[in-house]
Amino acid sequence: HWALLSVSLLNCLLSTACSAGLALAIALTVHSRGMHLVRGCDSSVLPADARAAIATNDCPFNTTRIYDTALALWFPSMLLAAAEAVMSGRCCLVALIFRGIGPCARGYSKEQV
């Protein structure tokens, strides 16, 4: 029970941090219109909007759809990380109940007997 409690609590904290980090990355990317995504490129060749950027030889990667692709991957990842945090929180609550700690522990122990 203690192993379940510690692992679920650690996973809940890490999933929450991952979800918050992805939310921050999405907010910064939308705010800068994707220009932080193409920071390693020659800025004199790129247009003001990263969605209209084209692949150039001055950039180490293909910039054609980096803005849309990043957001399309980050949104589901953020939602899955948030769902993982909720499930880990529920596992933590179950571990507390198994240990007899918490408001539901007394009633659960009586139901099992």
Protein backbone atom coordinates (compact mmCIF):
# COMPACT_ATOMS: atom_id res chain seq x y z
CA HIS A 1 0.00 0.00 0.00
CA TRP A 2 2.84 2.39 0.78
CA ALA A 3 4.45 1.71 -2.59
CA LEU A 4 1.14 2.42 -4.35
CA LEU A 5 0.76 5.62 -2.36
CA SER A 6 4.27 6.91 -3.07
CA VAL A 7 4.31 6.00 -6.77
CA SER A 8 0.83 7.40 -7.42
CA LEU A 9 1.63 10.63 -5.57
CA LEU A 10 4.88 11.05 -7.51
CA ASN A 11 3.13 10.32 -10.81
CA CYS A 12 0.34 12.78 -9.96
CA LEU A 13 2.88 15.53 -9.28
CA LEU A 14 4.87 14.80 -12.45
CA SER A 15 1.75 14.62 -14.62
CA THR A 16 0.48 17.90 -13.20
CA ALA A 17 3.84 19.55 -13.88
CA CYS A 18 3.87 18.13 -17.43
CA SER A 19 0.36 19.39 -18.08
CA ALA A 20 1.20 22.85 -16.73
CA GLY A 21 4.39 22.97 -18.81
CA LEU A 22 2.53 22.05 -21.97
CA ALA A 23 -0.13 24.67 -21.23
CA LEU A 24 2.62 27.27 -20.80
CA ALA A 25 4.29 26.19 -24.06
CA ILE A 26 0.98 26.44 -25.91
CA ALA A 27 0.29 29.88 -24.46
CA LEU A 28 3.76 31.21 -25.33
CA THR A 29 3.60 29.75 -28.84
CA VAL A 30 0.18 31.24 -29.56
CA HIS A 31 1.22 34.59 -28.06
CA SER A 32 4.38 34.81 -30.21
CA ARG A 33 2.55 33.42 -33.27
CA GLY A 34 5.13 30.63 -33.46
CA MET A 35 8.23 32.75 -33.80
CA HIS A 36 9.91 31.02 -30.83
CA LEU A 37 9.62 27.74 -32.74
CA VAL A 38 11.80 29.04 -35.57
CA ARG A 39 14.29 30.90 -33.39
CA GLY A 40 17.29 28.97 -34.77
CA CYS A 41 16.64 30.21 -38.30
CA ASP A 42 17.88 33.34 -40.03
CA SER A 43 15.25 35.88 -38.95
CA SER A 44 15.81 38.18 -41.93
CA VAL A 45 14.50 35.52 -44.34
CA LEU A 46 11.43 34.52 -42.32
CA PRO A 47 8.12 36.40 -42.47
CA ALA A 48 6.48 37.89 -39.38
CA ASP A 49 4.09 34.95 -39.02
CA ALA A 50 5.61 31.49 -38.50
CA ARG A 51 2.60 29.86 -40.15
CA ALA A 52 3.65 31.42 -43.45
CA ALA A 53 7.32 30.45 -43.06
CA ILE A 54 8.94 28.45 -45.82
CA ALA A 55 11.84 26.03 -45.65
CA THR A 56 15.13 27.80 -46.31
CA ASN A 57 18.73 26.68 -46.36
CA ASP A 58 19.43 28.95 -43.38
CA CYS A 59 17.23 26.85 -41.12
CA PRO A 60 18.31 23.44 -39.74
CA PHE A 61 14.79 22.02 -40.09
CA ASN A 62 11.74 22.26 -42.32
CA THR A 63 9.63 25.19 -41.09
CA THR A 64 6.63 24.77 -43.39
CA ARG A 65 4.09 23.47 -40.85
CA ILE A 66 5.88 23.65 -37.52
CA TYR A 67 3.30 25.94 -35.86
CA ASP A 68 0.25 23.82 -36.69
CA THR A 69 2.04 20.53 -36.03
CA ALA A 70 3.34 21.64 -32.64
CA LEU A 71 -0.09 22.75 -31.48
CA ALA A 72 -1.75 19.64 -32.91
CA LEU A 73 0.61 17.47 -30.87
CA TRP A 74 0.66 19.57 -27.70
CA PHE A 75 -3.10 19.82 -27.15
CA PRO A 76 -3.76 16.04 -26.96
CA SER A 77 -0.58 15.58 -24.92
CA MET A 78 -1.76 18.18 -22.42
CA LEU A 79 -5.19 16.55 -22.15
CA LEU A 80 -3.68 13.10 -21.67
CA ALA A 81 -1.26 14.40 -19.02
CA ALA A 82 -4.17 16.02 -17.17
CA ALA A 83 -6.17 12.78 -17.34
CA GLU A 84 -3.14 10.88 -16.05
CA ALA A 85 -2.84 13.31 -13.13
CA VAL A 86 -6.50 12.75 -12.25
CA MET A 87 -6.15 8.96 -12.40
CA SER A 88 -2.98 9.06 -10.32
CA GLY A 89 -4.77 11.22 -7.78
CA ARG A 90 -7.53 8.63 -7.58
CA CYS A 91 -4.94 5.87 -7.08
CA CYS A 92 -3.40 7.93 -4.30
CA LEU A 93 -6.81 8.27 -2.66
CA VAL A 94 -7.38 4.50 -2.90
CA ALA A 95 -3.97 3.87 -1.32
CA LEU A 96 -4.89 6.21 1.54
CA ILE A 97 -8.17 4.37 2.03
CA PHE A 98 -6.35 1.02 2.07
CA ARG A 99 -4.01 2.35 4.75
CA GLY A 100 -6.97 3.56 6.83
CA ILE A 101 -6.18 7.24 6.34
CA GLY A 102 -8.75 9.78 5.21
CA PRO A 103 -12.45 10.46 5.58
CA CYS A 104 -13.66 7.38 3.66
CA ALA A 105 -11.31 4.88 5.30
CA ARG A 106 -13.50 3.98 8.29
CA GLY A 107 -16.59 3.24 6.21
CA TYR A 108 -14.62 1.25 3.66
CA SER A 109 -13.02 -0.96 6.33
CA LYS A 110 -16.42 -1.77 7.83
CA GLU A 111 -17.83 -2.66 4.39
CA GLN A 112 -14.97 -5.09 3.75
CA VAL A 113 -15.51 -6.93 7.05
